[in-house]
Protein backbone atom coordinates (compact mmCIF):
# COMPACT_ATOMS: atom_id res chain seq x y z
CA UNK A 1 -0.04 0.00 0.03
CA UNK A 2 1.07 3.67 -0.45
CA UNK A 3 0.61 7.16 0.41
CA UNK A 4 -1.04 9.31 -2.08
CA UNK A 5 -0.72 13.07 -2.20
CA UNK A 6 -1.92 15.48 -5.07
CA UNK A 7 -0.84 18.84 -5.69
CA UNK A 8 -3.32 21.23 -7.70
CA UNK A 9 -1.83 24.25 -8.60
CA UNK A 10 -2.22 27.48 -11.14
CA UNK A 11 1.06 26.78 -13.00
CA UNK A 12 3.09 23.65 -13.63
CA UNK A 13 5.10 21.97 -11.11
CA UNK A 14 8.82 22.25 -11.34
CA UNK A 15 12.00 20.00 -10.68
CA UNK A 16 14.15 23.03 -10.52
CA UNK A 17 14.93 23.12 -6.62
CA UNK A 18 18.23 21.51 -5.70
CA UNK A 19 16.43 18.92 -3.95
CA UNK A 20 15.47 17.20 -6.82
CA UNK A 21 19.17 17.11 -8.18
CA UNK A 22 20.75 15.40 -5.04
CA UNK A 23 22.08 11.55 -4.75
CA UNK A 24 19.39 8.99 -4.71
CA UNK A 25 16.93 10.71 -7.55
CA UNK A 26 16.22 9.36 -10.99
CA UNK A 27 14.30 11.14 -13.71
CA UNK A 28 11.79 8.97 -15.67
CA UNK A 29 9.53 9.72 -18.57
CA UNK A 30 6.98 10.20 -16.13
CA UNK A 31 8.42 11.96 -13.77
CA UNK A 32 10.96 11.56 -10.80
CA UNK A 33 11.78 9.09 -8.14
CA UNK A 34 13.37 9.37 -4.68
CA UNK A 35 14.92 6.39 -3.12
CA UNK A 36 15.77 5.80 0.38
CA UNK A 37 16.22 2.46 2.37
CA UNK A 38 13.13 0.37 1.93
CA UNK A 39 10.99 3.20 0.47
CA UNK A 40 10.55 5.26 -2.78
CA UNK A 41 8.75 8.71 -3.58
CA UNK A 42 7.20 8.65 -6.87
CA UNK A 43 6.53 12.51 -8.47
CA UNK A 44 4.74 12.21 -11.61
CA UNK A 45 4.93 15.11 -14.21
CA UNK A 46 2.35 17.80 -14.12
CA UNK A 47 -0.60 17.23 -16.20
CA UNK A 48 -3.15 19.74 -17.48
CA UNK A 49 -6.88 19.43 -16.25
CA UNK A 50 -10.04 20.57 -16.89
CA UNK A 51 -11.97 22.48 -14.45
CA UNK A 52 -14.61 19.63 -13.80
CA UNK A 53 -11.35 17.36 -12.75
CA UNK A 54 -10.60 19.51 -9.53
CA UNK A 55 -11.95 17.81 -6.21
CA UNK A 56 -14.95 19.46 -4.70
CA UNK A 57 -12.74 20.19 -1.45
CA UNK A 58 -10.48 22.28 -3.62
CA UNK A 59 -12.59 24.18 -5.92
CA UNK A 60 -12.60 27.97 -4.93
CA UNK A 61 -9.51 27.58 -2.64
CA UNK A 62 -7.18 29.23 -5.38
CA UNK A 63 -8.22 30.87 -8.50
CA UNK A 64 -7.55 29.43 -11.67
CA UNK A 65 -6.27 25.78 -10.79
CA UNK A 66 -4.77 24.14 -14.21
CA UNK A 67 -2.53 21.35 -13.31
CA UNK A 68 -2.55 18.11 -11.10
CA UNK A 69 0.80 16.38 -9.79
CA UNK A 70 0.64 13.30 -8.07
CA UNK A 71 3.07 12.31 -5.42
CA UNK A 72 3.38 8.81 -3.86
CA UNK A 73 5.29 7.17 -0.94
CA UNK A 74 5.51 3.53 -0.87
CA UNK A 75 5.03 1.79 1.09
CA UNK A 76 2.59 2.96 3.60
CA UNK A 77 4.67 1.81 6.79
CA UNK A 78 7.97 3.94 5.36
CA UNK A 79 10.19 5.34 7.94
CA UNK A 80 9.35 9.00 9.51
CA UNK A 81 12.16 10.21 7.57
CA UNK A 82 10.37 9.20 4.40
CA UNK A 83 7.49 11.07 5.42
CA UNK A 84 9.09 14.20 6.23
CA UNK A 85 11.14 14.25 2.91
CA UNK A 86 7.78 13.52 1.44
CA UNK A 87 6.18 16.65 3.05
CA UNK A 88 9.39 19.06 2.27
CA UNK A 89 9.00 18.02 -1.33
CA UNK A 90 5.28 18.60 -1.53
CA UNK A 91 5.83 22.16 -0.14
CA UNK A 92 8.35 22.90 -2.46
CA UNK A 93 6.50 21.83 -5.36
CA UNK A 94 3.40 23.74 -4.40
CA UNK A 95 4.97 26.86 -3.75
CA UNK A 96 6.89 26.65 -7.13
CA UNK A 97 3.35 26.00 -8.93
CA UNK A 98 1.25 28.21 -6.85
CA UNK A 99 -0.53 25.08 -5.49
CA UNK A 100 -2.49 23.26 -2.79
CA UNK A 101 -1.35 20.05 -1.24
CA UNK A 102 -4.36 17.33 -1.07
CA UNK A 103 -3.48 14.09 0.91
CA UNK A 104 -5.41 10.72 0.92
CA UNK A 105 -6.78 11.81 4.33
CA UNK A 106 -8.51 14.95 3.03
CA UNK A 107 -5.95 17.28 4.66
CA UNK A 108 -5.60 20.24 2.69
CA UNK A 109 -2.83 22.98 3.12
CA UNK A 110 -0.36 24.92 1.10
CA UNK A 111 2.74 27.12 1.61
CA UNK A 112 2.42 30.73 3.41
CA UNK A 113 3.09 32.27 0.21
CA UNK A 114 0.73 30.83 -1.57
CA UNK A 115 -2.19 32.91 -1.12
CA UNK A 116 -5.79 33.28 -2.95
CA UNK A 117 -5.59 36.83 -3.17
CA UNK A 118 -2.82 39.38 -2.28
CA UNK A 119 -3.55 42.63 -0.94
CA UNK A 120 -4.29 45.14 -4.13
CA UNK A 121 -3.27 48.74 -3.51
CA UNK A 122 -6.00 50.95 -5.26
CA UNK A 123 -4.19 53.47 -7.20
CA UNK A 124 -5.34 57.14 -7.59
CA UNK A 125 -6.95 56.28 -10.80
CA UNK A 126 -7.62 52.51 -10.70
CA UNK A 127 -8.67 50.71 -13.79
CA UNK A 128 -11.80 48.61 -13.63
CA UNK A 129 -13.33 45.77 -15.95
CA UNK A 130 -16.92 44.66 -16.04
CA UNK A 131 -18.65 41.65 -16.89
CA UNK A 132 -22.21 41.93 -18.02
CA UNK A 133 -24.91 39.93 -19.15
CA UNK A 134 -28.31 41.14 -20.73
CA UNK A 135 -31.17 38.29 -20.64
CA UNK A 136 -34.85 37.63 -20.81
CA UNK A 137 -35.71 36.06 -17.65
CA UNK A 138 -38.37 37.86 -15.58
CA UNK A 139 -39.06 38.09 -11.90
CA UNK A 140 -39.52 34.33 -11.41
CA UNK A 141 -35.47 34.69 -11.65
CA UNK A 142 -35.05 35.89 -8.36
CA UNK A 143 -37.10 33.01 -6.76
CA UNK A 144 -35.78 30.15 -9.11
CA UNK A 145 -32.28 31.18 -10.36
CA UNK A 146 -30.82 33.86 -8.16
CA UNK A 147 -30.37 31.22 -5.25
CA UNK A 148 -28.24 29.05 -7.90
CA UNK A 149 -26.32 31.87 -9.30
CA UNK A 150 -25.50 33.10 -5.86
CA UNK A 151 -24.35 29.55 -4.97
CA UNK A 152 -22.05 29.36 -7.92
CA UNK A 153 -20.50 33.21 -7.06
CA UNK A 154 -20.02 31.43 -3.42
CA UNK A 155 -18.10 28.54 -4.78
CA UNK A 156 -15.81 30.39 -7.24
CA UNK A 157 -15.90 34.23 -6.51
CA UNK A 158 -16.78 34.22 -2.98
CA UNK A 159 -15.18 37.91 -2.94
CA UNK A 160 -18.20 38.80 -4.97
CA UNK A 161 -20.49 38.03 -2.26
CA UNK A 162 -22.28 40.64 -0.45
CA UNK A 163 -20.12 41.94 2.61
CA UNK A 164 -22.85 44.37 3.35
CA UNK A 165 -26.17 44.94 1.53
CA UNK A 166 -29.31 47.13 1.84
CA UNK A 167 -31.45 49.81 -0.08
CA UNK A 168 -29.52 52.98 1.13
CA UNK A 169 -25.83 53.65 1.84
CA UNK A 170 -24.22 52.76 3.96
CA UNK A 171 -26.15 49.39 3.92
CA UNK A 172 -27.79 48.06 6.98
CA UNK A 173 -27.21 44.58 6.94
CA UNK A 174 -24.29 42.06 6.94
CA UNK A 175 -24.50 38.73 5.11
CA UNK A 176 -22.26 37.08 7.85
CA UNK A 177 -24.99 38.05 10.50
CA UNK A 178 -28.22 37.54 8.39
CA UNK A 179 -27.03 34.59 6.06
CA UNK A 180 -27.90 33.85 2.26
CA UNK A 181 -31.83 33.33 2.69
CA UNK A 182 -32.11 36.52 4.35
CA UNK A 183 -30.22 38.11 1.52
CA UNK A 184 -32.17 36.32 -1.19
CA UNK A 185 -35.58 37.29 0.51
CA UNK A 186 -34.26 40.86 0.77
CA UNK A 187 -33.34 41.31 -2.92
CA UNK A 188 -36.69 39.68 -3.85
CA UNK A 189 -38.85 42.29 -1.67
CA UNK A 190 -36.49 45.48 -2.53
CA UNK A 191 -35.60 44.61 -6.01
CA UNK A 192 -37.56 47.63 -7.37
CA UNK A 193 -35.99 49.74 -5.20
CA UNK A 194 -32.53 49.17 -6.00
CA UNK A 195 -29.94 47.12 -3.83
CA UNK A 196 -26.65 48.53 -2.43
CA UNK A 197 -24.21 45.67 -2.73
CA UNK A 198 -20.93 45.96 -1.22
CA UNK A 199 -18.68 43.10 -2.37
CA UNK A 200 -14.98 42.43 -1.66
CA UNK A 201 -11.81 43.34 -3.26
CA UNK A 202 -11.11 42.85 -6.12
CA UNK A 203 -15.14 43.22 -6.95
CA UNK A 204 -15.88 46.83 -6.26
CA UNK A 205 -19.63 47.39 -7.55
CA UNK A 206 -22.28 44.39 -8.42
CA UNK A 207 -25.57 45.46 -10.08
CA UNK A 208 -28.72 43.23 -10.73
CA UNK A 209 -31.96 44.93 -12.30
CA UNK A 210 -34.93 42.88 -13.20
CA UNK A 211 -37.38 45.31 -14.73
CA UNK A 212 -40.86 44.63 -13.61
CA UNK A 213 -42.02 43.90 -17.54
CA UNK A 214 -39.60 42.37 -19.83
CA UNK A 215 -39.49 43.08 -23.51
CA UNK A 216 -41.44 45.76 -25.26
CA UNK A 217 -42.93 48.62 -23.21
CA UNK A 218 -44.12 52.19 -24.09
CA UNK A 219 -40.61 53.69 -23.55
CA UNK A 220 -38.41 50.92 -25.28
CA UNK A 221 -37.45 47.54 -24.86
CA UNK A 222 -36.20 46.41 -21.48
CA UNK A 223 -34.10 43.21 -20.76
CA UNK A 224 -32.90 41.83 -17.46
CA UNK A 225 -29.07 43.00 -16.38
CA UNK A 226 -26.45 41.99 -14.16
CA UNK A 227 -23.12 43.55 -14.07
CA UNK A 228 -19.89 42.99 -11.95
CA UNK A 229 -17.37 45.21 -11.63
CA UNK A 230 -13.72 44.55 -10.45
CA UNK A 231 -10.22 46.01 -10.32
CA UNK A 232 -8.31 45.12 -13.45
CA UNK A 233 -5.15 44.92 -11.27
CA UNK A 234 -6.29 41.55 -10.14
CA UNK A 235 -5.32 40.20 -13.68
CA UNK A 236 -1.61 40.48 -12.57
CA UNK A 237 -2.02 37.74 -9.68
CA UNK A 238 -1.75 34.04 -10.30
CA UNK A 239 -4.85 32.34 -11.81
CA UNK A 240 -7.41 34.99 -11.56
CA UNK A 241 -7.27 35.54 -15.41
CA UNK A 242 -8.33 32.17 -16.03
CA UNK A 243 -10.89 31.97 -13.17
CA UNK A 244 -12.60 35.26 -14.23
CA UNK A 245 -12.83 33.68 -17.57
CA UNK A 246 -14.29 30.50 -16.27
CA UNK A 247 -16.43 32.24 -14.08
CA UNK A 248 -17.83 34.36 -17.00
CA UNK A 249 -18.52 31.36 -19.17
CA UNK A 250 -20.15 29.40 -16.60
CA UNK A 251 -22.03 32.50 -15.38
CA UNK A 252 -23.32 32.84 -19.13
CA UNK A 253 -24.46 29.18 -19.29
CA UNK A 254 -26.59 29.89 -16.15
CA UNK A 255 -28.06 33.00 -17.21
CA UNK A 256 -28.49 32.33 -20.83
CA UNK A 257 -28.02 35.74 -22.08
CA UNK A 258 -28.65 37.13 -25.71
CA UNK A 259 -25.76 39.20 -25.31
CA UNK A 260 -22.90 39.32 -22.73
CA UNK A 261 -19.41 41.11 -22.84
CA UNK A 262 -16.24 41.95 -20.59
CA UNK A 263 -14.98 45.36 -21.15
CA UNK A 264 -13.21 48.44 -19.63
CA UNK A 265 -15.78 49.93 -17.26
CA UNK A 266 -15.38 53.43 -18.50
CA UNK A 267 -16.84 52.04 -21.71
CA UNK A 268 -19.57 50.24 -20.18
CA UNK A 269 -22.89 50.47 -21.77
CA UNK A 270 -24.83 48.95 -19.13
CA UNK A 271 -28.45 49.59 -18.44
CA UNK A 272 -31.94 47.32 -18.70
CA UNK A 273 -32.77 49.35 -22.00
CA UNK A 274 -31.79 47.23 -24.89
CA UNK A 275 -31.28 48.95 -28.41
CA UNK A 276 -28.91 46.96 -30.02
CA UNK A 277 -25.13 45.77 -29.97
CA UNK A 278 -22.19 48.18 -29.03
CA UNK A 279 -20.13 49.14 -32.08
CA UNK A 280 -17.19 48.84 -30.13
CA UNK A 281 -16.42 45.47 -28.37
CA UNK A 282 -14.89 45.06 -25.20
CA UNK A 283 -12.29 42.05 -24.68
CA UNK A 284 -14.99 39.12 -24.40
CA UNK A 285 -18.48 38.95 -26.16
CA UNK A 286 -21.24 36.19 -25.94
CA UNK A 287 -24.23 35.73 -27.87
CA UNK A 288 -27.42 33.49 -27.56
CA UNK A 289 -30.55 33.47 -29.75
CA UNK A 290 -31.77 35.46 -31.51
CA UNK A 291 -28.62 36.88 -32.48
CA UNK A 292 -26.78 33.60 -33.26
CA UNK A 293 -28.96 33.53 -36.31
CA UNK A 294 -28.00 37.22 -37.34
CA UNK A 295 -24.48 37.28 -36.81
CA UNK A 296 -22.71 34.65 -38.89
CA UNK A 297 -19.39 35.94 -39.11
CA UNK A 298 -18.97 35.76 -35.23
CA UNK A 299 -19.93 32.27 -35.02
CA UNK A 300 -17.52 31.42 -37.65
CA UNK A 301 -14.89 32.83 -35.13
CA UNK A 302 -16.49 31.81 -31.98
CA UNK A 303 -16.13 28.93 -29.54
CA UNK A 304 -19.42 27.22 -28.27
CA UNK A 305 -20.50 26.97 -24.72
CA UNK A 306 -21.94 23.54 -22.99
CA UNK A 307 -25.34 25.16 -23.31
CA UNK A 308 -25.10 26.40 -26.82
CA UNK A 309 -23.92 29.91 -26.51
CA UNK A 310 -21.01 31.55 -28.79
CA UNK A 311 -18.23 33.31 -27.52
CA UNK A 312 -15.17 35.08 -28.36
CA UNK A 313 -12.56 36.12 -25.96
CA UNK A 314 -9.19 38.12 -25.86
CA UNK A 315 -8.99 38.10 -21.62
CA UNK A 316 -5.14 38.48 -20.97
CA UNK A 317 -3.26 40.48 -18.35
CA UNK A 318 -3.06 43.54 -20.72
CA UNK A 319 -6.31 44.44 -21.99
CA UNK A 320 -6.78 43.39 -25.69
CA UNK A 321 -10.39 44.12 -27.41
CA UNK A 322 -11.75 41.71 -29.84
CA UNK A 323 -11.27 44.09 -32.83
CA UNK A 324 -8.37 42.03 -33.84
CA UNK A 325 -10.11 38.92 -33.98
CA UNK A 326 -13.61 40.15 -35.17
CA UNK A 327 -13.50 43.31 -37.28
CA UNK A 328 -16.97 44.99 -37.22
CA UNK A 329 -20.40 44.47 -35.83
CA UNK A 330 -22.99 44.24 -38.43
CA UNK A 331 -23.93 47.78 -39.21
CA UNK A 332 -27.74 46.79 -38.86
CA UNK A 333 -27.11 45.20 -35.52
CA UNK A 334 -25.38 48.20 -33.97
CA UNK A 335 -27.15 50.12 -31.16
CA UNK A 336 -27.92 53.42 -32.50
CA UNK A 337 -26.26 56.87 -30.67
CA UNK A 338 -29.93 58.47 -30.35
CA UNK A 339 -31.48 56.95 -27.44
CA UNK A 340 -34.93 56.55 -28.50
CA UNK A 341 -33.82 54.45 -31.76
CA UNK A 342 -32.93 51.05 -32.11
CA UNK A 343 -30.95 48.72 -34.58
CA UNK A 344 -32.23 48.34 -37.81
CA UNK A 345 -32.59 44.73 -37.71
CA UNK A 346 -34.69 44.44 -34.64
CA UNK A 347 -34.91 40.48 -33.55
CA UNK A 348 -37.32 40.89 -30.78
CA UNK A 349 -41.00 42.09 -30.21
CA UNK A 350 -41.41 45.94 -30.38
CA UNK A 351 -39.52 47.56 -29.42
CA UNK A 352 -42.20 49.75 -28.43
CA UNK A 353 -45.44 48.85 -27.04
CA UNK A 354 -48.07 50.66 -28.77
CA UNK A 355 -50.81 52.59 -27.15
CA UNK A 356 -54.43 50.81 -27.29
């Protein structure tokens, strides 16, 4: 029998440390072996994994986990010295790869230098990015879908949960004291008033707006709308670019937007009044029906999500928009500059509800 350890990390584990070059170690095609008197430690090469392969106990502990490294000590009854070396090796590998150590007993640990989020010093004029979705779910979303959306946030980006919330500033309730159920009920009862939602860094602003009527109204076309703003500086920290990309795609599959995006906050087009696709795209865009049928050039260059949405992304540590990938939004789908006008090719009802 053996004692098994796995390292789940943002980067590939490395054998560059001098401990891996000392006498008693052997390189093999599938990794490295430490040999001692009557015991051996086998270290596999790092394997890239899909998000669904990450153990439930590990998900959410570090953003952007992409690699798995297996370490096996044989036999289970090896000497105390062998276990000391195993512990030292695991720590070195986790530190070099920004990873978490997960042993067969379910114990989870990480080096002190490996943190989910380093302190972000806010600049005088910080840069922000926004993830935004426009979708057609009505007020029943608050009862049926919002809880699932909130639980998804909690499991992947807990910093986005509300530290405090209310209908005015400073918000009067604390999530730690009231709990999720109270927050969901509060949102349901006060959605029309506007919710003040204080997240934690790197998130700075979150807004959810579900209009009383979805679709054509006498003033124009309204859709449900969620936006999440965060400090762009966080993309410089290990794993955050990958994690935010994953979150944006999974959240899109949950919300089923007809259009969603990620872009610099100062170029935000956000509100519930939908008039067409923005002429200037951000650094990620995702479309669902009816736009899937109206924008064939986008579909040609896009990737497909699990639920059949199409997306193009250029989410990197240095901000890049999509216009190097897809040149132009079709003129007939573009949102006009005039507020009371809508795109020439209008794929929904209305947009104006006629007076009877």
